[in-house]
Amino acid sequence: GPSRDESSLATAMLEFKAADIGFGVIA
């Protein structure tokens, strides 16, 4: 289901982009 903290999600996505980590989310 949804995450508790949308701002930590946005920050983490930027970290992933900076570190060149590809990802997927299966909900």
mmCIF file of all heavy atoms, coordinates in Angstrom:
data_MODEL
# 
_entry.id   MODEL 
# 
loop_
_atom_site.group_PDB 
_atom_site.id 
_atom_site.type_symbol 
_atom_site.label_atom_id 
_atom_site.label_alt_id 
_atom_site.label_comp_id 
_atom_site.label_asym_id 
_atom_site.label_entity_id 
_atom_site.label_seq_id 
_atom_site.pdbx_PDB_ins_code 
_atom_site.Cartn_x 
_atom_site.Cartn_y 
_atom_site.Cartn_z 
_atom_site.occupancy 
_atom_site.B_iso_or_equiv 
_atom_site.pdbx_formal_charge 
_atom_site.auth_seq_id 
_atom_site.auth_comp_id 
_atom_site.auth_asym_id 
_atom_site.auth_atom_id 
_atom_site.pdbx_PDB_model_num 
ATOM 1   N N   . GLY A 1 1  ? 0.825  -1.208 0.000   1.00 0.00 ? 1  GLY A N   1 
ATOM 2   C CA  . GLY A 1 1  ? 0.000  0.000  0.000   1.00 0.00 ? 1  GLY A CA  1 
ATOM 3   C C   . GLY A 1 1  ? 0.849  1.244  0.000   1.00 0.00 ? 1  GLY A C   1 
ATOM 4   O O   . GLY A 1 1  ? 2.055  1.181  -0.237  1.00 0.00 ? 1  GLY A O   1 
ATOM 5   N N   . PRO A 1 2  ? 0.237  2.398  0.265   1.00 0.00 ? 2  PRO A N   1 
ATOM 6   C CA  . PRO A 1 2  ? 0.969  3.655  0.215   1.00 0.00 ? 2  PRO A CA  1 
ATOM 7   C C   . PRO A 1 2  ? 2.002  3.788  1.337   1.00 0.00 ? 2  PRO A C   1 
ATOM 8   O O   . PRO A 1 2  ? 1.919  3.099  2.348   1.00 0.00 ? 2  PRO A O   1 
ATOM 9   C CB  . PRO A 1 2  ? -0.116 4.728  0.354   1.00 0.00 ? 2  PRO A CB  1 
ATOM 10  C CG  . PRO A 1 2  ? -1.257 4.032  1.005   1.00 0.00 ? 2  PRO A CG  1 
ATOM 11  C CD  . PRO A 1 2  ? -1.182 2.594  0.599   1.00 0.00 ? 2  PRO A CD  1 
ATOM 12  N N   . SER A 1 3  ? 2.958  4.694  1.122   1.00 0.00 ? 3  SER A N   1 
ATOM 13  C CA  . SER A 1 3  ? 4.010  4.935  2.099   1.00 0.00 ? 3  SER A CA  1 
ATOM 14  C C   . SER A 1 3  ? 3.517  5.930  3.137   1.00 0.00 ? 3  SER A C   1 
ATOM 15  O O   . SER A 1 3  ? 2.548  6.655  2.913   1.00 0.00 ? 3  SER A O   1 
ATOM 16  C CB  . SER A 1 3  ? 5.244  5.496  1.385   1.00 0.00 ? 3  SER A CB  1 
ATOM 17  O OG  . SER A 1 3  ? 6.335  5.539  2.260   1.00 0.00 ? 3  SER A OG  1 
ATOM 18  N N   . ARG A 1 4  ? 4.206  5.964  4.262   1.00 0.00 ? 4  ARG A N   1 
ATOM 19  C CA  . ARG A 1 4  ? 3.809  6.845  5.355   1.00 0.00 ? 4  ARG A CA  1 
ATOM 20  C C   . ARG A 1 4  ? 4.282  8.267  5.110   1.00 0.00 ? 4  ARG A C   1 
ATOM 21  O O   . ARG A 1 4  ? 3.690  9.221  5.579   1.00 0.00 ? 4  ARG A O   1 
ATOM 22  C CB  . ARG A 1 4  ? 4.431  6.285  6.634   1.00 0.00 ? 4  ARG A CB  1 
ATOM 23  C CG  . ARG A 1 4  ? 4.275  7.120  7.861   1.00 0.00 ? 4  ARG A CG  1 
ATOM 24  C CD  . ARG A 1 4  ? 5.080  6.525  8.968   1.00 0.00 ? 4  ARG A CD  1 
ATOM 25  N NE  . ARG A 1 4  ? 6.506  6.648  8.679   1.00 0.00 ? 4  ARG A NE  1 
ATOM 26  C CZ  . ARG A 1 4  ? 7.428  6.862  9.590   1.00 0.00 ? 4  ARG A CZ  1 
ATOM 27  N NH1 . ARG A 1 4  ? 7.103  6.944  10.839  1.00 0.00 ? 4  ARG A NH1 1 
ATOM 28  N NH2 . ARG A 1 4  ? 8.689  6.982  9.262   1.00 0.00 ? 4  ARG A NH2 1 
ATOM 29  N N   . ASP A 1 5  ? 5.387  8.409  4.368   1.00 0.00 ? 5  ASP A N   1 
ATOM 30  C CA  . ASP A 1 5  ? 6.061  9.697  4.306   1.00 0.00 ? 5  ASP A CA  1 
ATOM 31  C C   . ASP A 1 5  ? 6.442  10.028 2.860   1.00 0.00 ? 5  ASP A C   1 
ATOM 32  O O   . ASP A 1 5  ? 7.411  9.513  2.337   1.00 0.00 ? 5  ASP A O   1 
ATOM 33  C CB  . ASP A 1 5  ? 7.308  9.623  5.195   1.00 0.00 ? 5  ASP A CB  1 
ATOM 34  C CG  . ASP A 1 5  ? 8.056  10.945 5.274   1.00 0.00 ? 5  ASP A CG  1 
ATOM 35  O OD1 . ASP A 1 5  ? 7.766  11.846 4.461   1.00 0.00 ? 5  ASP A OD1 1 
ATOM 36  O OD2 . ASP A 1 5  ? 8.927  11.071 6.136   1.00 0.00 ? 5  ASP A OD2 1 
ATOM 37  N N   . GLU A 1 6  ? 5.627  10.870 2.247   1.00 0.00 ? 6  GLU A N   1 
ATOM 38  C CA  . GLU A 1 6  ? 5.854  11.187 0.833   1.00 0.00 ? 6  GLU A CA  1 
ATOM 39  C C   . GLU A 1 6  ? 7.149  11.974 0.612   1.00 0.00 ? 6  GLU A C   1 
ATOM 40  O O   . GLU A 1 6  ? 7.788  11.846 -0.416  1.00 0.00 ? 6  GLU A O   1 
ATOM 41  C CB  . GLU A 1 6  ? 4.648  11.957 0.280   1.00 0.00 ? 6  GLU A CB  1 
ATOM 42  C CG  . GLU A 1 6  ? 4.379  11.597 -1.162  1.00 0.00 ? 6  GLU A CG  1 
ATOM 43  C CD  . GLU A 1 6  ? 2.992  11.980 -1.652  1.00 0.00 ? 6  GLU A CD  1 
ATOM 44  O OE1 . GLU A 1 6  ? 2.017  11.904 -0.887  1.00 0.00 ? 6  GLU A OE1 1 
ATOM 45  O OE2 . GLU A 1 6  ? 2.912  12.357 -2.834  1.00 0.00 ? 6  GLU A OE2 1 
ATOM 46  N N   . SER A 1 7  ? 7.562  12.792 1.589   1.00 0.00 ? 7  SER A N   1 
ATOM 47  C CA  . SER A 1 7  ? 8.788  13.584 1.396   1.00 0.00 ? 7  SER A CA  1 
ATOM 48  C C   . SER A 1 7  ? 10.027 12.685 1.440   1.00 0.00 ? 7  SER A C   1 
ATOM 49  O O   . SER A 1 7  ? 10.975 12.886 0.684   1.00 0.00 ? 7  SER A O   1 
ATOM 50  C CB  . SER A 1 7  ? 8.890  14.711 2.418   1.00 0.00 ? 7  SER A CB  1 
ATOM 51  O OG  . SER A 1 7  ? 9.099  14.187 3.702   1.00 0.00 ? 7  SER A OG  1 
ATOM 52  N N   . SER A 1 8  ? 10.030 11.653 2.305   1.00 0.00 ? 8  SER A N   1 
ATOM 53  C CA  . SER A 1 8  ? 11.180 10.740 2.333   1.00 0.00 ? 8  SER A CA  1 
ATOM 54  C C   . SER A 1 8  ? 11.244 9.948  1.035   1.00 0.00 ? 8  SER A C   1 
ATOM 55  O O   . SER A 1 8  ? 12.317 9.601  0.549   1.00 0.00 ? 8  SER A O   1 
ATOM 56  C CB  . SER A 1 8  ? 11.133 9.802  3.551   1.00 0.00 ? 8  SER A CB  1 
ATOM 57  O OG  . SER A 1 8  ? 10.283 8.704  3.346   1.00 0.00 ? 8  SER A OG  1 
ATOM 58  N N   . LEU A 1 9  ? 10.096 9.707  0.437   1.00 0.00 ? 9  LEU A N   1 
ATOM 59  C CA  . LEU A 1 9  ? 10.022 8.999  -0.843  1.00 0.00 ? 9  LEU A CA  1 
ATOM 60  C C   . LEU A 1 9  ? 10.645 9.850  -1.947  1.00 0.00 ? 9  LEU A C   1 
ATOM 61  O O   . LEU A 1 9  ? 11.466 9.362  -2.732  1.00 0.00 ? 9  LEU A O   1 
ATOM 62  C CB  . LEU A 1 9  ? 8.548  8.703  -1.145  1.00 0.00 ? 9  LEU A CB  1 
ATOM 63  C CG  . LEU A 1 9  ? 8.197  7.734  -2.245  1.00 0.00 ? 9  LEU A CG  1 
ATOM 64  C CD1 . LEU A 1 9  ? 8.882  6.401  -2.058  1.00 0.00 ? 9  LEU A CD1 1 
ATOM 65  C CD2 . LEU A 1 9  ? 6.679  7.549  -2.288  1.00 0.00 ? 9  LEU A CD2 1 
ATOM 66  N N   . ALA A 1 10 ? 10.298 11.126 -1.988  1.00 0.00 ? 10 ALA A N   1 
ATOM 67  C CA  . ALA A 1 10 ? 10.847 12.032 -3.010  1.00 0.00 ? 10 ALA A CA  1 
ATOM 68  C C   . ALA A 1 10 ? 12.366 12.168 -2.851  1.00 0.00 ? 10 ALA A C   1 
ATOM 69  O O   . ALA A 1 10 ? 13.112 12.118 -3.831  1.00 0.00 ? 10 ALA A O   1 
ATOM 70  C CB  . ALA A 1 10 ? 10.175 13.401 -2.903  1.00 0.00 ? 10 ALA A CB  1 
ATOM 71  N N   . THR A 1 11 ? 12.835 12.300 -1.616  1.00 0.00 ? 11 THR A N   1 
ATOM 72  C CA  . THR A 1 11 ? 14.274 12.403 -1.338  1.00 0.00 ? 11 THR A CA  1 
ATOM 73  C C   . THR A 1 11 ? 14.998 11.140 -1.793  1.00 0.00 ? 11 THR A C   1 
ATOM 74  O O   . THR A 1 11 ? 16.044 11.200 -2.440  1.00 0.00 ? 11 THR A O   1 
ATOM 75  C CB  . THR A 1 11 ? 14.510 12.620 0.175   1.00 0.00 ? 11 THR A CB  1 
ATOM 76  O OG1 . THR A 1 11 ? 13.801 13.793 0.571   1.00 0.00 ? 11 THR A OG1 1 
ATOM 77  C CG2 . THR A 1 11 ? 15.977 12.763 0.502   1.00 0.00 ? 11 THR A CG2 1 
ATOM 78  N N   . ALA A 1 12 ? 14.426 9.979  -1.461  1.00 0.00 ? 12 ALA A N   1 
ATOM 79  C CA  . ALA A 1 12 ? 15.046 8.701  -1.818  1.00 0.00 ? 12 ALA A CA  1 
ATOM 80  C C   . ALA A 1 12 ? 15.120 8.531  -3.331  1.00 0.00 ? 12 ALA A C   1 
ATOM 81  O O   . ALA A 1 12 ? 16.105 8.002  -3.855  1.00 0.00 ? 12 ALA A O   1 
ATOM 82  C CB  . ALA A 1 12 ? 14.271 7.554  -1.183  1.00 0.00 ? 12 ALA A CB  1 
ATOM 83  N N   . MET A 1 13 ? 14.100 8.985  -4.031  1.00 0.00 ? 13 MET A N   1 
ATOM 84  C CA  . MET A 1 13 ? 14.115 8.865  -5.492  1.00 0.00 ? 13 MET A CA  1 
ATOM 85  C C   . MET A 1 13 ? 15.241 9.699  -6.094  1.00 0.00 ? 13 MET A C   1 
ATOM 86  O O   . MET A 1 13 ? 15.881 9.280  -7.055  1.00 0.00 ? 13 MET A O   1 
ATOM 87  C CB  . MET A 1 13 ? 12.762 9.242  -6.068  1.00 0.00 ? 13 MET A CB  1 
ATOM 88  C CG  . MET A 1 13 ? 11.722 8.202  -5.719  1.00 0.00 ? 13 MET A CG  1 
ATOM 89  S SD  . MET A 1 13 ? 10.316 8.256  -6.794  1.00 0.00 ? 13 MET A SD  1 
ATOM 90  C CE  . MET A 1 13 ? 9.337  6.913  -6.131  1.00 0.00 ? 13 MET A CE  1 
ATOM 91  N N   . LEU A 1 14 ? 15.503 10.849 -5.512  1.00 0.00 ? 14 LEU A N   1 
ATOM 92  C CA  . LEU A 1 14 ? 16.629 11.672 -5.969  1.00 0.00 ? 14 LEU A CA  1 
ATOM 93  C C   . LEU A 1 14 ? 17.954 10.978 -5.680  1.00 0.00 ? 14 LEU A C   1 
ATOM 94  O O   . LEU A 1 14 ? 18.875 11.005 -6.498  1.00 0.00 ? 14 LEU A O   1 
ATOM 95  C CB  . LEU A 1 14 ? 16.592 13.056 -5.310  1.00 0.00 ? 14 LEU A CB  1 
ATOM 96  C CG  . LEU A 1 14 ? 15.435 13.964 -5.735  1.00 0.00 ? 14 LEU A CG  1 
ATOM 97  C CD1 . LEU A 1 14 ? 15.398 15.225 -4.882  1.00 0.00 ? 14 LEU A CD1 1 
ATOM 98  C CD2 . LEU A 1 14 ? 15.530 14.311 -7.217  1.00 0.00 ? 14 LEU A CD2 1 
ATOM 99  N N   . GLU A 1 15 ? 18.059 10.338 -4.494  1.00 0.00 ? 15 GLU A N   1 
ATOM 100 C CA  . GLU A 1 15 ? 19.269 9.575  -4.147  1.00 0.00 ? 15 GLU A CA  1 
ATOM 101 C C   . GLU A 1 15 ? 19.504 8.459  -5.164  1.00 0.00 ? 15 GLU A C   1 
ATOM 102 O O   . GLU A 1 15 ? 20.617 8.226  -5.603  1.00 0.00 ? 15 GLU A O   1 
ATOM 103 C CB  . GLU A 1 15 ? 19.116 8.915  -2.766  1.00 0.00 ? 15 GLU A CB  1 
ATOM 104 C CG  . GLU A 1 15 ? 19.559 9.758  -1.606  1.00 0.00 ? 15 GLU A CG  1 
ATOM 105 C CD  . GLU A 1 15 ? 19.495 8.946  -0.307  1.00 0.00 ? 15 GLU A CD  1 
ATOM 106 O OE1 . GLU A 1 15 ? 20.449 8.202  -0.025  1.00 0.00 ? 15 GLU A OE1 1 
ATOM 107 O OE2 . GLU A 1 15 ? 18.495 9.085  0.413   1.00 0.00 ? 15 GLU A OE2 1 
ATOM 108 N N   . PHE A 1 16 ? 18.431 7.764  -5.536  1.00 0.00 ? 16 PHE A N   1 
ATOM 109 C CA  . PHE A 1 16 ? 18.538 6.666  -6.500  1.00 0.00 ? 16 PHE A CA  1 
ATOM 110 C C   . PHE A 1 16 ? 19.010 7.195  -7.857  1.00 0.00 ? 16 PHE A C   1 
ATOM 111 O O   . PHE A 1 16 ? 19.857 6.594  -8.503  1.00 0.00 ? 16 PHE A O   1 
ATOM 112 C CB  . PHE A 1 16 ? 17.187 5.954  -6.650  1.00 0.00 ? 16 PHE A CB  1 
ATOM 113 C CG  . PHE A 1 16 ? 17.060 4.728  -5.798  1.00 0.00 ? 16 PHE A CG  1 
ATOM 114 C CD1 . PHE A 1 16 ? 17.383 4.755  -4.448  1.00 0.00 ? 16 PHE A CD1 1 
ATOM 115 C CD2 . PHE A 1 16 ? 16.612 3.541  -6.336  1.00 0.00 ? 16 PHE A CD2 1 
ATOM 116 C CE1 . PHE A 1 16 ? 17.268 3.639  -3.655  1.00 0.00 ? 16 PHE A CE1 1 
ATOM 117 C CE2 . PHE A 1 16 ? 16.494 2.394  -5.555  1.00 0.00 ? 16 PHE A CE2 1 
ATOM 118 C CZ  . PHE A 1 16 ? 16.827 2.441  -4.206  1.00 0.00 ? 16 PHE A CZ  1 
ATOM 119 N N   . LYS A 1 17 ? 18.453 8.333  -8.257  1.00 0.00 ? 17 LYS A N   1 
ATOM 120 C CA  . LYS A 1 17 ? 18.843 8.921  -9.545  1.00 0.00 ? 17 LYS A CA  1 
ATOM 121 C C   . LYS A 1 17 ? 20.320 9.313  -9.518  1.00 0.00 ? 17 LYS A C   1 
ATOM 122 O O   . LYS A 1 17 ? 21.065 9.006  -10.446 1.00 0.00 ? 17 LYS A O   1 
ATOM 123 C CB  . LYS A 1 17 ? 17.956 10.140 -9.833  1.00 0.00 ? 17 LYS A CB  1 
ATOM 124 C CG  . LYS A 1 17 ? 18.110 10.688 -11.237 1.00 0.00 ? 17 LYS A CG  1 
ATOM 125 C CD  . LYS A 1 17 ? 16.980 11.645 -11.552 1.00 0.00 ? 17 LYS A CD  1 
ATOM 126 C CE  . LYS A 1 17 ? 17.141 12.348 -12.864 1.00 0.00 ? 17 LYS A CE  1 
ATOM 127 N NZ  . LYS A 1 17 ? 17.497 11.527 -13.998 1.00 0.00 ? 17 LYS A NZ  1 
ATOM 128 N N   . ALA A 1 18 ? 20.758 9.943  -8.429  1.00 0.00 ? 18 ALA A N   1 
ATOM 129 C CA  . ALA A 1 18 ? 22.158 10.373 -8.293  1.00 0.00 ? 18 ALA A CA  1 
ATOM 130 C C   . ALA A 1 18 ? 23.116 9.179  -8.297  1.00 0.00 ? 18 ALA A C   1 
ATOM 131 O O   . ALA A 1 18 ? 24.217 9.256  -8.835  1.00 0.00 ? 18 ALA A O   1 
ATOM 132 C CB  . ALA A 1 18 ? 22.339 11.194 -7.020  1.00 0.00 ? 18 ALA A CB  1 
ATOM 133 N N   . ALA A 1 19 ? 22.692 8.064  -7.697  1.00 0.00 ? 19 ALA A N   1 
ATOM 134 C CA  . ALA A 1 19 ? 23.550 6.875  -7.608  1.00 0.00 ? 19 ALA A CA  1 
ATOM 135 C C   . ALA A 1 19 ? 23.359 5.943  -8.808  1.00 0.00 ? 19 ALA A C   1 
ATOM 136 O O   . ALA A 1 19 ? 23.953 4.880  -8.856  1.00 0.00 ? 19 ALA A O   1 
ATOM 137 C CB  . ALA A 1 19 ? 23.255 6.125  -6.309  1.00 0.00 ? 19 ALA A CB  1 
ATOM 138 N N   . ASP A 1 20 ? 22.507 6.350  -9.755  1.00 0.00 ? 20 ASP A N   1 
ATOM 139 C CA  . ASP A 1 20 ? 22.250 5.568  -10.960 1.00 0.00 ? 20 ASP A CA  1 
ATOM 140 C C   . ASP A 1 20 ? 21.735 4.164  -10.627 1.00 0.00 ? 20 ASP A C   1 
ATOM 141 O O   . ASP A 1 20 ? 22.228 3.163  -11.135 1.00 0.00 ? 20 ASP A O   1 
ATOM 142 C CB  . ASP A 1 20 ? 23.521 5.495  -11.825 1.00 0.00 ? 20 ASP A CB  1 
ATOM 143 C CG  . ASP A 1 20 ? 23.183 5.135  -13.269 1.00 0.00 ? 20 ASP A CG  1 
ATOM 144 O OD1 . ASP A 1 20 ? 22.033 5.389  -13.687 1.00 0.00 ? 20 ASP A OD1 1 
ATOM 145 O OD2 . ASP A 1 20 ? 24.050 4.578  -13.964 1.00 0.00 ? 20 ASP A OD2 1 
ATOM 146 N N   . ILE A 1 21 ? 20.741 4.125  -9.745  1.00 0.00 ? 21 ILE A N   1 
ATOM 147 C CA  . ILE A 1 21 ? 20.112 2.858  -9.357  1.00 0.00 ? 21 ILE A CA  1 
ATOM 148 C C   . ILE A 1 21 ? 18.746 2.792  -10.035 1.00 0.00 ? 21 ILE A C   1 
ATOM 149 O O   . ILE A 1 21 ? 17.912 3.676  -9.846  1.00 0.00 ? 21 ILE A O   1 
ATOM 150 C CB  . ILE A 1 21 ? 19.918 2.770  -7.823  1.00 0.00 ? 21 ILE A CB  1 
ATOM 151 C CG1 . ILE A 1 21 ? 21.256 2.896  -7.090  1.00 0.00 ? 21 ILE A CG1 1 
ATOM 152 C CG2 . ILE A 1 21 ? 19.222 1.458  -7.450  1.00 0.00 ? 21 ILE A CG2 1 
ATOM 153 C CD1 . ILE A 1 21 ? 21.125 3.132  -5.588  1.00 0.00 ? 21 ILE A CD1 1 
ATOM 154 N N   . GLY A 1 22 ? 18.537 1.760  -10.822 1.00 0.00 ? 22 GLY A N   1 
ATOM 155 C CA  . GLY A 1 22 ? 17.236 1.558  -11.443 1.00 0.00 ? 22 GLY A CA  1 
ATOM 156 C C   . GLY A 1 22 ? 16.322 0.870  -10.442 1.00 0.00 ? 22 GLY A C   1 
ATOM 157 O O   . GLY A 1 22 ? 16.780 0.086  -9.614  1.00 0.00 ? 22 GLY A O   1 
ATOM 158 N N   . PHE A 1 23 ? 15.025 1.166  -10.475 1.00 0.00 ? 23 PHE A N   1 
ATOM 159 C CA  . PHE A 1 23 ? 14.139 0.514  -9.510  1.00 0.00 ? 23 PHE A CA  1 
ATOM 160 C C   . PHE A 1 23 ? 12.731 0.394  -10.050 1.00 0.00 ? 23 PHE A C   1 
ATOM 161 O O   . PHE A 1 23 ? 12.329 1.075  -10.992 1.00 0.00 ? 23 PHE A O   1 
ATOM 162 C CB  . PHE A 1 23 ? 14.123 1.295  -8.185  1.00 0.00 ? 23 PHE A CB  1 
ATOM 163 C CG  . PHE A 1 23 ? 13.394 2.603  -8.260  1.00 0.00 ? 23 PHE A CG  1 
ATOM 164 C CD1 . PHE A 1 23 ? 12.071 2.689  -7.870  1.00 0.00 ? 23 PHE A CD1 1 
ATOM 165 C CD2 . PHE A 1 23 ? 14.043 3.732  -8.720  1.00 0.00 ? 23 PHE A CD2 1 
ATOM 166 C CE1 . PHE A 1 23 ? 11.401 3.900  -7.957  1.00 0.00 ? 23 PHE A CE1 1 
ATOM 167 C CE2 . PHE A 1 23 ? 13.378 4.944  -8.805  1.00 0.00 ? 23 PHE A CE2 1 
ATOM 168 C CZ  . PHE A 1 23 ? 12.053 5.029  -8.425  1.00 0.00 ? 23 PHE A CZ  1 
ATOM 169 N N   . GLY A 1 24 ? 12.008 -0.515 -9.426  1.00 0.00 ? 24 GLY A N   1 
ATOM 170 C CA  . GLY A 1 24 ? 10.593 -0.686 -9.706  1.00 0.00 ? 24 GLY A CA  1 
ATOM 171 C C   . GLY A 1 24 ? 9.871  -0.902 -8.397  1.00 0.00 ? 24 GLY A C   1 
ATOM 172 O O   . GLY A 1 24 ? 10.469 -1.348 -7.417  1.00 0.00 ? 24 GLY A O   1 
ATOM 173 N N   . VAL A 1 25 ? 8.587  -0.549 -8.384  1.00 0.00 ? 25 VAL A N   1 
ATOM 174 C CA  . VAL A 1 25 ? 7.759  -0.774 -7.205  1.00 0.00 ? 25 VAL A CA  1 
ATOM 175 C C   . VAL A 1 25 ? 6.583  -1.630 -7.643  1.00 0.00 ? 25 VAL A C   1 
ATOM 176 O O   . VAL A 1 25 ? 5.888  -1.288 -8.602  1.00 0.00 ? 25 VAL A O   1 
ATOM 177 C CB  . VAL A 1 25 ? 7.261  0.555  -6.593  1.00 0.00 ? 25 VAL A CB  1 
ATOM 178 C CG1 . VAL A 1 25 ? 6.330  0.291  -5.409  1.00 0.00 ? 25 VAL A CG1 1 
ATOM 179 C CG2 . VAL A 1 25 ? 8.430  1.427  -6.169  1.00 0.00 ? 25 VAL A CG2 1 
ATOM 180 N N   . ILE A 1 26 ? 6.389  -2.751 -6.974  1.00 0.00 ? 26 ILE A N   1 
ATOM 181 C CA  . ILE A 1 26 ? 5.258  -3.627 -7.255  1.00 0.00 ? 26 ILE A CA  1 
ATOM 182 C C   . ILE A 1 26 ? 4.301  -3.495 -6.084  1.00 0.00 ? 26 ILE A C   1 
ATOM 183 O O   . ILE A 1 26 ? 4.613  -3.892 -4.958  1.00 0.00 ? 26 ILE A O   1 
ATOM 184 C CB  . ILE A 1 26 ? 5.717  -5.082 -7.450  1.00 0.00 ? 26 ILE A CB  1 
ATOM 185 C CG1 . ILE A 1 26 ? 6.660  -5.148 -8.659  1.00 0.00 ? 26 ILE A CG1 1 
ATOM 186 C CG2 . ILE A 1 26 ? 4.514  -6.009 -7.618  1.00 0.00 ? 26 ILE A CG2 1 
ATOM 187 C CD1 . ILE A 1 26 ? 7.346  -6.472 -8.862  1.00 0.00 ? 26 ILE A CD1 1 
ATOM 188 N N   . ALA A 1 27 ? 3.138  -2.876 -6.352  1.00 0.00 ? 27 ALA A N   1 
ATOM 189 C CA  . ALA A 1 27 ? 2.169  -2.594 -5.298  1.00 0.00 ? 27 ALA A CA  1 
ATOM 190 C C   . ALA A 1 27 ? 1.054  -3.632 -5.324  1.00 0.00 ? 27 ALA A C   1 
ATOM 191 O O   . ALA A 1 27 ? 0.404  -3.818 -6.358  1.00 0.00 ? 27 ALA A O   1 
ATOM 192 C CB  . ALA A 1 27 ? 1.604  -1.189 -5.471  1.00 0.00 ? 27 ALA A CB  1 
# 
